[in-house]
Amino acid sequence: MRPRYIILIIFPLIITFLGCSKQMMVRKFYFLSSPEITQKSDNAAQSHLPYRCLLLPTSVLSAYDIPKIALRTNSHEIEYFLYHQWTSTPSHMFTEIIQKFFQKQRLFREIDLHIEKQDVAFQMESDVISIEIIRRENIWLAHLQMYLALKTYPDEKILISHEFDRTTPLLKRNINLFVDALQKILEEELTLFYEKIKEELIRPQK
């Protein structure tokens, strides 16, 4: 077979391969959103308390506070997905989620990152220790570890704290399922934290 005929045969194959490669290498972005609030017929759902709360930015362990999604492959080894990323850094994402969650709950008169500190009663802190996919043989697990605290302001005495370290196995190795699992964990744990605060600040009348 002459060289020019070989080129004519191979060239379309190369073009097809490059086209498929571009499709395979599409960068995808993922995000967590503020959990939906189911309003209940209690005092906290109807009106806020006369307290203002300073929300501090979420602190995230440096290994996880980057847009790339982390994959733990060993006890002391982390890899990062190249084409699967968060829409923003986890520190920014979690700060927004916590702020919107408590604003929807209407527990405080005001909760924000930027408020006048003269009559602030509390401050809320949050730390993300781990946010990752754990790979165990052929199984993926969603892993989220956090610490949440409500402190008095300005003396910073811990009033309520809540911490958790949870993993959820995924049905298959899929990033969207990983995000769904994190969303469910976050919704459950923020609700538990909220209930602890409500129990402390709202004493039921006997």
N, C-alpha and C. Protein backbone atom coordinates (compact mmCIF):
# COMPACT_ATOMS: atom_id res chain seq x y z
N MET A 1 0.85 -1.20 0.00
CA MET A 1 0.00 0.00 0.00
C MET A 1 0.88 1.24 0.00
N ARG A 2 0.54 2.20 -0.85
CA ARG A 2 1.35 3.40 -0.98
C ARG A 2 1.18 4.30 0.26
N PRO A 3 2.26 5.05 0.61
CA PRO A 3 2.20 5.91 1.81
C PRO A 3 1.05 6.89 1.81
N ARG A 4 0.73 7.47 0.60
CA ARG A 4 -0.33 8.49 0.59
C ARG A 4 -1.69 7.87 0.91
N TYR A 5 -1.90 6.60 0.52
CA TYR A 5 -3.16 5.93 0.85
C TYR A 5 -3.25 5.64 2.36
N ILE A 6 -2.09 5.31 2.94
CA ILE A 6 -2.05 5.08 4.39
C ILE A 6 -2.42 6.35 5.14
N ILE A 7 -1.90 7.49 4.65
CA ILE A 7 -2.20 8.78 5.28
C ILE A 7 -3.69 9.09 5.17
N LEU A 8 -4.28 8.81 4.00
CA LEU A 8 -5.70 9.08 3.80
C LEU A 8 -6.58 8.25 4.74
N ILE A 9 -6.12 7.04 5.07
CA ILE A 9 -6.87 6.17 5.98
C ILE A 9 -6.69 6.59 7.43
N ILE A 10 -5.44 6.92 7.81
CA ILE A 10 -5.13 7.23 9.21
C ILE A 10 -5.63 8.60 9.62
N PHE A 11 -5.58 9.58 8.72
CA PHE A 11 -5.94 10.95 9.07
C PHE A 11 -7.35 11.08 9.63
N PRO A 12 -8.39 10.47 8.98
CA PRO A 12 -9.75 10.56 9.57
C PRO A 12 -9.84 9.91 10.95
N LEU A 13 -9.06 8.83 11.15
CA LEU A 13 -9.07 8.17 12.45
C LEU A 13 -8.51 9.08 13.53
N ILE A 14 -7.46 9.83 13.19
CA ILE A 14 -6.86 10.77 14.14
C ILE A 14 -7.84 11.87 14.50
N ILE A 15 -8.53 12.40 13.48
CA ILE A 15 -9.52 13.46 13.73
C ILE A 15 -10.63 12.95 14.63
N THR A 16 -11.09 11.73 14.39
CA THR A 16 -12.15 11.13 15.21
C THR A 16 -11.69 10.96 16.65
N PHE A 17 -10.46 10.48 16.82
CA PHE A 17 -9.90 10.27 18.15
C PHE A 17 -9.78 11.58 18.92
N LEU A 18 -9.31 12.63 18.24
CA LEU A 18 -9.16 13.94 18.89
C LEU A 18 -10.53 14.48 19.31
N GLY A 19 -11.54 14.26 18.47
CA GLY A 19 -12.88 14.71 18.80
C GLY A 19 -13.43 14.00 20.03
N CYS A 20 -13.22 12.70 20.11
CA CYS A 20 -13.67 11.92 21.26
C CYS A 20 -12.92 12.34 22.53
N SER A 21 -11.62 12.63 22.38
CA SER A 21 -10.80 13.03 23.52
C SER A 21 -11.31 14.33 24.11
N LYS A 22 -11.70 15.27 23.25
CA LYS A 22 -12.22 16.54 23.74
C LYS A 22 -13.51 16.34 24.53
N GLN A 23 -14.35 15.41 24.06
CA GLN A 23 -15.59 15.14 24.77
C GLN A 23 -15.31 14.50 26.13
N MET A 24 -14.32 13.62 26.16
CA MET A 24 -13.98 12.93 27.40
C MET A 24 -13.33 13.87 28.42
N MET A 25 -12.69 14.94 27.98
CA MET A 25 -11.93 15.80 28.86
C MET A 25 -12.69 17.08 29.22
N VAL A 26 -14.01 17.05 29.12
CA VAL A 26 -14.82 18.21 29.51
C VAL A 26 -14.71 18.39 31.02
N ARG A 27 -14.44 19.60 31.46
CA ARG A 27 -14.34 19.89 32.89
C ARG A 27 -15.74 20.11 33.46
N LYS A 28 -16.04 19.41 34.56
CA LYS A 28 -17.36 19.51 35.19
C LYS A 28 -17.23 20.15 36.56
N PHE A 29 -18.24 20.96 36.90
CA PHE A 29 -18.22 21.69 38.16
C PHE A 29 -19.42 21.28 39.01
N TYR A 30 -19.21 21.21 40.33
CA TYR A 30 -20.22 20.73 41.26
C TYR A 30 -20.36 21.71 42.42
N PHE A 31 -21.53 21.71 43.05
CA PHE A 31 -21.75 22.62 44.17
C PHE A 31 -22.70 22.00 45.18
N LEU A 32 -22.55 22.41 46.42
CA LEU A 32 -23.50 22.10 47.48
C LEU A 32 -24.38 23.32 47.69
N SER A 33 -25.64 23.09 48.03
CA SER A 33 -26.56 24.20 48.23
C SER A 33 -27.11 24.17 49.65
N SER A 34 -27.67 25.29 50.04
CA SER A 34 -28.27 25.38 51.37
C SER A 34 -29.45 24.43 51.47
N PRO A 35 -29.52 23.61 52.54
CA PRO A 35 -30.63 22.65 52.67
C PRO A 35 -31.99 23.34 52.68
N GLU A 36 -32.96 22.64 52.14
CA GLU A 36 -34.33 23.15 52.16
C GLU A 36 -34.86 23.11 53.60
N ILE A 37 -35.64 24.13 53.93
CA ILE A 37 -36.19 24.23 55.28
C ILE A 37 -37.67 23.87 55.25
N THR A 38 -38.04 22.93 56.10
CA THR A 38 -39.45 22.59 56.28
C THR A 38 -39.95 23.34 57.50
N GLN A 39 -40.74 24.38 57.27
CA GLN A 39 -41.20 25.21 58.37
C GLN A 39 -42.16 24.42 59.28
N LYS A 40 -41.94 24.54 60.57
CA LYS A 40 -42.80 23.89 61.56
C LYS A 40 -43.54 24.96 62.36
N SER A 41 -44.60 24.54 62.98
CA SER A 41 -45.42 25.48 63.73
C SER A 41 -44.89 25.65 65.16
N ASP A 42 -43.62 26.09 65.27
CA ASP A 42 -43.09 26.41 66.58
C ASP A 42 -42.63 27.86 66.57
N ASN A 43 -42.24 28.34 67.73
CA ASN A 43 -41.87 29.75 67.85
C ASN A 43 -40.70 30.12 66.97
N ALA A 44 -39.73 29.21 66.85
CA ALA A 44 -38.54 29.51 66.06
C ALA A 44 -38.87 29.67 64.60
N ALA A 45 -39.85 28.93 64.12
CA ALA A 45 -40.20 29.01 62.71
C ALA A 45 -41.01 30.26 62.41
N GLN A 46 -41.74 30.78 63.44
CA GLN A 46 -42.64 31.90 63.22
C GLN A 46 -41.92 33.24 63.33
N SER A 47 -41.03 33.39 64.28
CA SER A 47 -40.34 34.67 64.45
C SER A 47 -38.98 34.45 65.08
N HIS A 48 -38.06 35.36 64.75
CA HIS A 48 -36.70 35.22 65.24
C HIS A 48 -36.58 35.72 66.68
N LEU A 49 -35.51 35.31 67.32
CA LEU A 49 -35.19 35.78 68.67
C LEU A 49 -34.46 37.11 68.58
N PRO A 50 -34.46 37.88 69.65
CA PRO A 50 -33.84 39.22 69.59
C PRO A 50 -32.32 39.18 69.75
N TYR A 51 -31.66 38.26 69.07
CA TYR A 51 -30.21 38.13 69.17
C TYR A 51 -29.58 38.33 67.80
N ARG A 52 -28.43 38.97 67.82
CA ARG A 52 -27.65 39.11 66.59
C ARG A 52 -26.42 38.23 66.70
N CYS A 53 -26.11 37.53 65.62
CA CYS A 53 -25.03 36.54 65.62
C CYS A 53 -24.02 36.85 64.53
N LEU A 54 -22.77 36.93 64.92
CA LEU A 54 -21.69 37.13 63.97
C LEU A 54 -21.25 35.78 63.41
N LEU A 55 -21.33 35.64 62.11
CA LEU A 55 -20.91 34.39 61.47
C LEU A 55 -19.46 34.53 61.00
N LEU A 56 -18.60 33.64 61.46
CA LEU A 56 -17.21 33.65 61.02
C LEU A 56 -17.06 32.78 59.77
N PRO A 57 -16.15 33.15 58.87
CA PRO A 57 -15.93 32.32 57.67
C PRO A 57 -15.53 30.90 58.05
N THR A 58 -16.03 29.94 57.32
CA THR A 58 -15.69 28.54 57.57
C THR A 58 -14.21 28.30 57.32
N SER A 59 -13.59 27.63 58.28
CA SER A 59 -12.18 27.25 58.14
C SER A 59 -12.11 25.83 57.57
N VAL A 60 -11.32 25.64 56.53
CA VAL A 60 -11.19 24.34 55.88
C VAL A 60 -9.72 23.94 55.87
N LEU A 61 -9.45 22.70 56.21
CA LEU A 61 -8.08 22.19 56.17
C LEU A 61 -7.50 22.45 54.78
N SER A 62 -6.27 22.95 54.73
CA SER A 62 -5.68 23.45 53.49
C SER A 62 -5.68 22.42 52.36
N ALA A 63 -5.56 21.14 52.71
CA ALA A 63 -5.54 20.10 51.67
C ALA A 63 -6.85 20.01 50.91
N TYR A 64 -7.94 20.51 51.52
CA TYR A 64 -9.26 20.41 50.90
C TYR A 64 -9.80 21.76 50.41
N ASP A 65 -9.15 22.84 50.80
CA ASP A 65 -9.69 24.15 50.45
C ASP A 65 -9.19 24.64 49.09
N ILE A 66 -9.40 23.82 48.10
CA ILE A 66 -9.08 24.14 46.71
C ILE A 66 -10.25 23.67 45.85
N PRO A 67 -10.42 24.21 44.65
CA PRO A 67 -11.56 23.81 43.82
C PRO A 67 -11.57 22.33 43.42
N LYS A 68 -10.41 21.70 43.32
CA LYS A 68 -10.37 20.31 42.89
C LYS A 68 -10.91 19.37 43.96
N ILE A 69 -11.71 18.40 43.55
CA ILE A 69 -12.30 17.43 44.47
C ILE A 69 -11.25 16.39 44.85
N ALA A 70 -11.18 16.09 46.15
CA ALA A 70 -10.14 15.21 46.67
C ALA A 70 -10.59 13.75 46.68
N LEU A 71 -9.64 12.87 46.36
CA LEU A 71 -9.85 11.43 46.40
C LEU A 71 -8.79 10.81 47.29
N ARG A 72 -9.21 10.24 48.42
CA ARG A 72 -8.25 9.60 49.32
C ARG A 72 -8.03 8.17 48.87
N THR A 73 -6.81 7.88 48.50
CA THR A 73 -6.47 6.55 48.00
C THR A 73 -5.75 5.70 49.02
N ASN A 74 -5.24 6.35 50.08
CA ASN A 74 -4.54 5.64 51.14
C ASN A 74 -4.62 6.47 52.41
N SER A 75 -4.17 5.92 53.52
CA SER A 75 -4.32 6.62 54.80
C SER A 75 -3.62 7.97 54.81
N HIS A 76 -2.49 8.07 54.09
CA HIS A 76 -1.74 9.33 54.05
C HIS A 76 -1.52 9.80 52.61
N GLU A 77 -2.46 9.50 51.75
CA GLU A 77 -2.29 9.83 50.33
C GLU A 77 -3.60 10.36 49.74
N ILE A 78 -3.52 11.53 49.10
CA ILE A 78 -4.68 12.15 48.46
C ILE A 78 -4.35 12.47 47.01
N GLU A 79 -5.31 12.19 46.15
CA GLU A 79 -5.22 12.60 44.76
C GLU A 79 -6.33 13.60 44.47
N TYR A 80 -6.21 14.32 43.37
CA TYR A 80 -7.23 15.31 43.01
C TYR A 80 -7.73 15.04 41.59
N PHE A 81 -9.05 15.12 41.44
CA PHE A 81 -9.61 14.98 40.10
C PHE A 81 -9.26 16.21 39.27
N LEU A 82 -8.84 15.97 38.04
CA LEU A 82 -8.44 17.07 37.17
C LEU A 82 -9.64 17.72 36.52
N TYR A 83 -10.65 16.93 36.16
CA TYR A 83 -11.79 17.45 35.41
C TYR A 83 -13.08 17.48 36.21
N HIS A 84 -12.99 17.29 37.52
CA HIS A 84 -14.14 17.40 38.40
C HIS A 84 -13.79 18.37 39.52
N GLN A 85 -14.47 19.51 39.56
CA GLN A 85 -14.10 20.56 40.50
C GLN A 85 -15.33 21.17 41.16
N TRP A 86 -15.10 21.78 42.34
CA TRP A 86 -16.12 22.58 42.99
C TRP A 86 -16.26 23.91 42.25
N THR A 87 -17.44 24.52 42.33
CA THR A 87 -17.63 25.81 41.68
C THR A 87 -16.86 26.92 42.41
N SER A 88 -16.55 26.70 43.68
CA SER A 88 -15.74 27.64 44.45
C SER A 88 -14.99 26.85 45.50
N THR A 89 -14.14 27.51 46.26
CA THR A 89 -13.42 26.81 47.32
C THR A 89 -14.41 26.35 48.39
N PRO A 90 -14.18 25.21 49.03
CA PRO A 90 -15.09 24.76 50.09
C PRO A 90 -15.30 25.77 51.21
N SER A 91 -14.27 26.55 51.56
CA SER A 91 -14.44 27.54 52.63
C SER A 91 -15.51 28.56 52.26
N HIS A 92 -15.49 29.02 51.02
CA HIS A 92 -16.50 29.98 50.56
C HIS A 92 -17.87 29.31 50.44
N MET A 93 -17.88 28.10 49.93
CA MET A 93 -19.13 27.37 49.71
C MET A 93 -19.84 27.08 51.04
N PHE A 94 -19.10 26.58 52.04
CA PHE A 94 -19.71 26.23 53.32
C PHE A 94 -20.14 27.47 54.10
N THR A 95 -19.40 28.55 54.00
CA THR A 95 -19.79 29.79 54.66
C THR A 95 -21.15 30.26 54.15
N GLU A 96 -21.32 30.23 52.84
CA GLU A 96 -22.60 30.64 52.24
C GLU A 96 -23.74 29.71 52.65
N ILE A 97 -23.46 28.42 52.66
CA ILE A 97 -24.49 27.43 53.01
C ILE A 97 -24.98 27.64 54.44
N ILE A 98 -24.05 27.79 55.38
CA ILE A 98 -24.41 27.96 56.79
C ILE A 98 -25.17 29.27 57.01
N GLN A 99 -24.71 30.33 56.36
CA GLN A 99 -25.39 31.62 56.49
C GLN A 99 -26.83 31.53 55.98
N LYS A 100 -27.02 30.98 54.79
CA LYS A 100 -28.37 30.89 54.22
C LYS A 100 -29.26 29.96 55.05
N PHE A 101 -28.69 28.89 55.56
CA PHE A 101 -29.47 27.94 56.36
C PHE A 101 -30.06 28.63 57.58
N PHE A 102 -29.22 29.35 58.34
CA PHE A 102 -29.70 29.97 59.56
C PHE A 102 -30.54 31.22 59.30
N GLN A 103 -30.32 31.86 58.18
CA GLN A 103 -31.20 32.97 57.82
C GLN A 103 -32.60 32.46 57.50
N LYS A 104 -32.67 31.31 56.83
CA LYS A 104 -33.98 30.70 56.53
C LYS A 104 -34.68 30.23 57.80
N GLN A 105 -33.91 29.77 58.76
CA GLN A 105 -34.51 29.28 60.00
C GLN A 105 -35.10 30.40 60.85
N ARG A 106 -34.63 31.62 60.67
CA ARG A 106 -35.15 32.79 61.38
C ARG A 106 -35.01 32.63 62.89
N LEU A 107 -33.95 31.97 63.32
CA LEU A 107 -33.72 31.81 64.75
C LEU A 107 -33.16 33.09 65.37
N PHE A 108 -32.25 33.75 64.64
CA PHE A 108 -31.64 34.99 65.13
C PHE A 108 -32.26 36.20 64.42
N ARG A 109 -32.24 37.33 65.11
CA ARG A 109 -32.70 38.57 64.48
C ARG A 109 -31.84 38.88 63.27
N GLU A 110 -30.54 38.57 63.39
CA GLU A 110 -29.62 38.76 62.27
C GLU A 110 -28.44 37.82 62.43
N ILE A 111 -28.01 37.22 61.34
CA ILE A 111 -26.79 36.42 61.33
C ILE A 111 -26.08 36.71 60.01
N ASP A 112 -24.85 37.21 60.14
CA ASP A 112 -24.15 37.64 58.93
C ASP A 112 -22.66 37.71 59.21
N LEU A 113 -21.90 37.77 58.12
CA LEU A 113 -20.44 37.93 58.23
C LEU A 113 -20.08 39.35 58.62
N HIS A 114 -20.87 40.30 58.15
CA HIS A 114 -20.55 41.71 58.35
C HIS A 114 -21.71 42.41 59.04
N ILE A 115 -21.63 42.51 60.36
CA ILE A 115 -22.66 43.22 61.12
C ILE A 115 -21.98 44.09 62.17
N GLU A 116 -22.70 45.11 62.62
CA GLU A 116 -22.19 45.96 63.68
C GLU A 116 -22.03 45.13 64.96
N LYS A 117 -20.86 45.22 65.57
CA LYS A 117 -20.55 44.34 66.70
C LYS A 117 -20.97 44.89 68.05
N GLN A 118 -21.58 46.06 68.09
CA GLN A 118 -21.87 46.68 69.37
C GLN A 118 -22.93 45.91 70.17
N ASP A 119 -23.89 45.27 69.49
CA ASP A 119 -24.91 44.52 70.23
C ASP A 119 -24.99 43.06 69.78
N VAL A 120 -23.88 42.53 69.34
CA VAL A 120 -23.82 41.11 68.96
C VAL A 120 -23.79 40.25 70.22
N ALA A 121 -24.61 39.22 70.25
CA ALA A 121 -24.69 38.34 71.42
C ALA A 121 -23.89 37.05 71.25
N PHE A 122 -23.82 36.57 69.98
CA PHE A 122 -23.16 35.29 69.74
C PHE A 122 -22.28 35.36 68.49
N GLN A 123 -21.40 34.39 68.40
CA GLN A 123 -20.66 34.19 67.16
C GLN A 123 -20.67 32.70 66.82
N MET A 124 -20.77 32.40 65.53
CA MET A 124 -20.85 31.01 65.07
C MET A 124 -19.59 30.67 64.28
N GLU A 125 -19.00 29.54 64.63
CA GLU A 125 -17.78 29.08 63.97
C GLU A 125 -18.02 27.72 63.32
N SER A 126 -17.28 27.45 62.26
CA SER A 126 -17.39 26.16 61.58
C SER A 126 -16.04 25.77 61.00
N ASP A 127 -15.72 24.50 61.13
CA ASP A 127 -14.45 23.96 60.61
C ASP A 127 -14.73 22.70 59.81
N VAL A 128 -14.18 22.63 58.61
CA VAL A 128 -14.25 21.41 57.80
C VAL A 128 -12.90 20.71 57.91
N ILE A 129 -12.91 19.54 58.49
CA ILE A 129 -11.66 18.78 58.67
C ILE A 129 -11.40 17.89 57.46
N SER A 130 -12.48 17.31 56.91
CA SER A 130 -12.33 16.46 55.72
C SER A 130 -13.56 16.60 54.83
N ILE A 131 -13.31 16.72 53.54
CA ILE A 131 -14.38 16.65 52.54
C ILE A 131 -13.76 15.96 51.33
N GLU A 132 -14.12 14.68 51.13
CA GLU A 132 -13.38 13.87 50.16
C GLU A 132 -14.17 12.63 49.78
N ILE A 133 -13.68 12.00 48.72
CA ILE A 133 -14.10 10.65 48.37
C ILE A 133 -13.03 9.70 48.90
N ILE A 134 -13.46 8.66 49.60
CA ILE A 134 -12.53 7.63 50.04
C ILE A 134 -12.68 6.43 49.12
N ARG A 135 -11.57 5.96 48.57
CA ARG A 135 -11.61 4.79 47.70
C ARG A 135 -11.13 3.57 48.47
N ARG A 136 -12.02 2.58 48.58
CA ARG A 136 -11.68 1.31 49.22
C ARG A 136 -11.95 0.20 48.22
N GLU A 137 -10.89 -0.31 47.63
CA GLU A 137 -10.99 -1.30 46.56
C GLU A 137 -11.85 -0.72 45.45
N ASN A 138 -13.01 -1.31 45.17
CA ASN A 138 -13.86 -0.82 44.09
C ASN A 138 -15.02 0.04 44.59
N ILE A 139 -14.98 0.39 45.87
CA ILE A 139 -16.08 1.15 46.46
C ILE A 139 -15.64 2.58 46.75
N TRP A 140 -16.54 3.53 46.48
CA TRP A 140 -16.33 4.93 46.85
C TRP A 140 -17.22 5.26 48.05
N LEU A 141 -16.66 6.06 48.97
CA LEU A 141 -17.43 6.54 50.11
C LEU A 141 -17.32 8.07 50.17
N ALA A 142 -18.44 8.72 50.40
CA ALA A 142 -18.44 10.16 50.64
C ALA A 142 -18.07 10.40 52.10
N HIS A 143 -17.12 11.29 52.33
CA HIS A 143 -16.63 11.53 53.69
C HIS A 143 -16.69 13.02 54.01
N LEU A 144 -17.37 13.35 55.10
CA LEU A 144 -17.44 14.73 55.56
C LEU A 144 -17.25 14.76 57.07
N GLN A 145 -16.27 15.54 57.51
CA GLN A 145 -16.00 15.70 58.94
C GLN A 145 -15.99 17.20 59.25
N MET A 146 -16.80 17.59 60.24
CA MET A 146 -16.93 19.01 60.57
C MET A 146 -17.05 19.24 62.07
N TYR A 147 -16.76 20.48 62.45
CA TYR A 147 -16.98 20.95 63.82
C TYR A 147 -17.72 22.28 63.74
N LEU A 148 -18.81 22.40 64.51
CA LEU A 148 -19.61 23.62 64.54
C LEU A 148 -19.74 24.08 65.99
N ALA A 149 -19.74 25.39 66.19
CA ALA A 149 -19.84 25.91 67.55
C ALA A 149 -20.55 27.25 67.56
N LEU A 150 -21.38 27.45 68.59
CA LEU A 150 -21.97 28.75 68.87
C LEU A 150 -21.35 29.23 70.18
N LYS A 151 -20.75 30.42 70.13
CA LYS A 151 -20.07 30.98 71.30
C LYS A 151 -20.70 32.31 71.69
N THR A 152 -20.56 32.64 72.95
CA THR A 152 -20.98 33.96 73.38
C THR A 152 -20.00 34.99 72.84
N TYR A 153 -20.49 36.20 72.66
CA TYR A 153 -19.64 37.27 72.13
C TYR A 153 -19.67 38.45 73.10
N PRO A 154 -18.50 39.04 73.43
CA PRO A 154 -17.18 38.83 72.81
C PRO A 154 -16.26 37.89 73.59
N ASP A 155 -16.73 37.29 74.69
CA ASP A 155 -15.82 36.49 75.52
C ASP A 155 -15.55 35.10 74.95
N GLU A 156 -16.30 34.69 73.90
CA GLU A 156 -16.04 33.45 73.16
C GLU A 156 -16.11 32.19 74.03
N LYS A 157 -17.06 32.16 74.91
CA LYS A 157 -17.31 30.94 75.67
C LYS A 157 -18.23 30.02 74.85
N ILE A 158 -17.87 28.75 74.76
CA ILE A 158 -18.65 27.80 73.97
C ILE A 158 -19.99 27.55 74.63
N LEU A 159 -21.06 27.86 73.91
CA LEU A 159 -22.41 27.62 74.40
C LEU A 159 -22.94 26.28 73.88
N ILE A 160 -22.77 26.05 72.58
CA ILE A 160 -23.20 24.82 71.93
C ILE A 160 -22.10 24.39 70.95
N SER A 161 -21.79 23.11 70.95
CA SER A 161 -20.86 22.57 69.95
C SER A 161 -21.46 21.32 69.33
N HIS A 162 -21.06 21.07 68.10
CA HIS A 162 -21.59 19.90 67.38
C HIS A 162 -20.51 19.45 66.40
N GLU A 163 -20.13 18.21 66.50
CA GLU A 163 -19.14 17.68 65.58
C GLU A 163 -19.57 16.32 65.05
N PHE A 164 -19.11 16.00 63.86
CA PHE A 164 -19.47 14.72 63.24
C PHE A 164 -18.38 14.31 62.27
N ASP A 165 -18.31 13.02 62.06
CA ASP A 165 -17.36 12.41 61.13
C ASP A 165 -18.09 11.25 60.45
N ARG A 166 -18.63 11.52 59.25
CA ARG A 166 -19.52 10.55 58.62
C ARG A 166 -19.04 10.13 57.24
N THR A 167 -19.27 8.86 56.95
CA THR A 167 -19.00 8.33 55.61
C THR A 167 -20.26 7.64 55.10
N THR A 168 -20.49 7.75 53.80
CA THR A 168 -21.64 7.12 53.17
C THR A 168 -21.18 6.38 51.91
N PRO A 169 -21.40 5.07 51.81
CA PRO A 169 -21.02 4.35 50.59
C PRO A 169 -21.88 4.76 49.41
N LEU A 170 -21.27 4.87 48.25
CA LEU A 170 -22.00 5.25 47.04
C LEU A 170 -22.38 4.00 46.24
N LEU A 171 -23.50 4.05 45.57
CA LEU A 171 -23.97 2.91 44.79
C LEU A 171 -23.02 2.60 43.63
N LYS A 172 -22.43 3.65 43.09
CA LYS A 172 -21.42 3.47 42.04
C LYS A 172 -20.46 4.64 42.08
N ARG A 173 -19.37 4.51 41.36
CA ARG A 173 -18.34 5.55 41.37
C ARG A 173 -18.79 6.70 40.46
N ASN A 174 -19.46 7.65 41.09
CA ASN A 174 -20.05 8.76 40.35
C ASN A 174 -19.94 10.02 41.21
N ILE A 175 -19.40 11.10 40.64
CA ILE A 175 -19.17 12.32 41.41
C ILE A 175 -20.49 12.95 41.85
N ASN A 176 -21.49 12.90 40.99
CA ASN A 176 -22.77 13.50 41.36
C ASN A 176 -23.41 12.78 42.55
N LEU A 177 -23.25 11.46 42.62
CA LEU A 177 -23.74 10.72 43.78
C LEU A 177 -22.97 11.11 45.04
N PHE A 178 -21.69 11.39 44.88
CA PHE A 178 -20.86 11.87 45.99
C PHE A 178 -21.40 13.20 46.53
N VAL A 179 -21.70 14.12 45.64
CA VAL A 179 -22.24 15.42 46.05
C VAL A 179 -23.61 15.26 46.70
N ASP A 180 -24.45 14.39 46.15
CA ASP A 180 -25.77 14.12 46.74
C ASP A 180 -25.63 13.60 48.17
N ALA A 181 -24.66 12.71 48.38
CA ALA A 181 -24.45 12.14 49.71
C ALA A 181 -23.98 13.21 50.70
N LEU A 182 -23.08 14.08 50.26
CA LEU A 182 -22.62 15.18 51.11
C LEU A 182 -23.78 16.11 51.46
N GLN A 183 -24.62 16.39 50.47
CA GLN A 183 -25.76 17.27 50.68
C GLN A 183 -26.68 16.72 51.77
N LYS A 184 -26.92 15.42 51.74
CA LYS A 184 -27.79 14.78 52.74
C LYS A 184 -27.16 14.83 54.13
N ILE A 185 -25.87 14.53 54.21
CA ILE A 185 -25.17 14.59 55.50
C ILE A 185 -25.24 16.00 56.07
N LEU A 186 -24.93 16.98 55.24
CA LEU A 186 -24.91 18.37 55.68
C LEU A 186 -26.28 18.83 56.17
N GLU A 187 -27.31 18.44 55.44
CA GLU A 187 -28.67 18.81 55.84
C GLU A 187 -29.02 18.23 57.20
N GLU A 188 -28.70 16.97 57.41
CA GLU A 188 -29.02 16.31 58.68
C GLU A 188 -28.24 16.92 59.84
N GLU A 189 -26.97 17.19 59.62
CA GLU A 189 -26.13 17.67 60.72
C GLU A 189 -26.39 19.14 61.04
N LEU A 190 -26.65 19.96 60.05
CA LEU A 190 -27.01 21.36 60.32
C LEU A 190 -28.33 21.44 61.08
N THR A 191 -29.24 20.55 60.74
CA THR A 191 -30.53 20.52 61.45
C THR A 191 -30.33 20.12 62.91
N LEU A 192 -29.45 19.16 63.16
CA LEU A 192 -29.16 18.75 64.54
C LEU A 192 -28.52 19.90 65.31
N PHE A 193 -27.61 20.62 64.68
CA PHE A 193 -26.96 21.76 65.31
C PHE A 193 -27.99 22.85 65.63
N TYR A 194 -28.85 23.11 64.68
CA TYR A 194 -29.92 24.09 64.88
C TYR A 194 -30.81 23.70 66.06
N GLU A 195 -31.19 22.42 66.14
CA GLU A 195 -32.06 21.96 67.22
C GLU A 195 -31.38 22.13 68.58
N LYS A 196 -30.07 21.89 68.64
CA LYS A 196 -29.33 22.10 69.89
C LYS A 196 -29.37 23.56 70.32
N ILE A 197 -29.16 24.44 69.35
CA ILE A 197 -29.18 25.88 69.65
C ILE A 197 -30.57 26.30 70.10
N LYS A 198 -31.58 25.85 69.39
CA LYS A 198 -32.97 26.22 69.72
C LYS A 198 -33.33 25.74 71.11
N GLU A 199 -32.91 24.53 71.45
CA GLU A 199 -33.21 23.98 72.77
C GLU A 199 -32.56 24.81 73.87
N GLU A 200 -31.36 25.32 73.59
CA GLU A 200 -30.64 26.12 74.58
C GLU A 200 -31.22 27.53 74.71
N LEU A 201 -31.57 28.14 73.59
CA LEU A 201 -32.00 29.54 73.61
C LEU A 201 -33.50 29.72 73.83
N ILE A 202 -34.27 28.69 73.48
CA ILE A 202 -35.72 28.77 73.64
C ILE A 202 -36.15 27.73 74.67
N ARG A 203 -36.41 28.17 75.85
CA ARG A 203 -36.85 27.25 76.91
C ARG A 203 -38.36 27.09 76.83
N PRO A 204 -38.86 25.88 76.64
CA PRO A 204 -40.32 25.71 76.60
C PRO A 204 -40.98 26.09 77.92
N GLN A 205 -42.06 26.79 77.81
CA GLN A 205 -42.79 27.21 79.00
C GLN A 205 -43.63 26.05 79.55
N LYS A 206 -43.53 25.86 80.85
CA LYS A 206 -44.28 24.77 81.49
C LYS A 206 -45.67 25.27 81.92
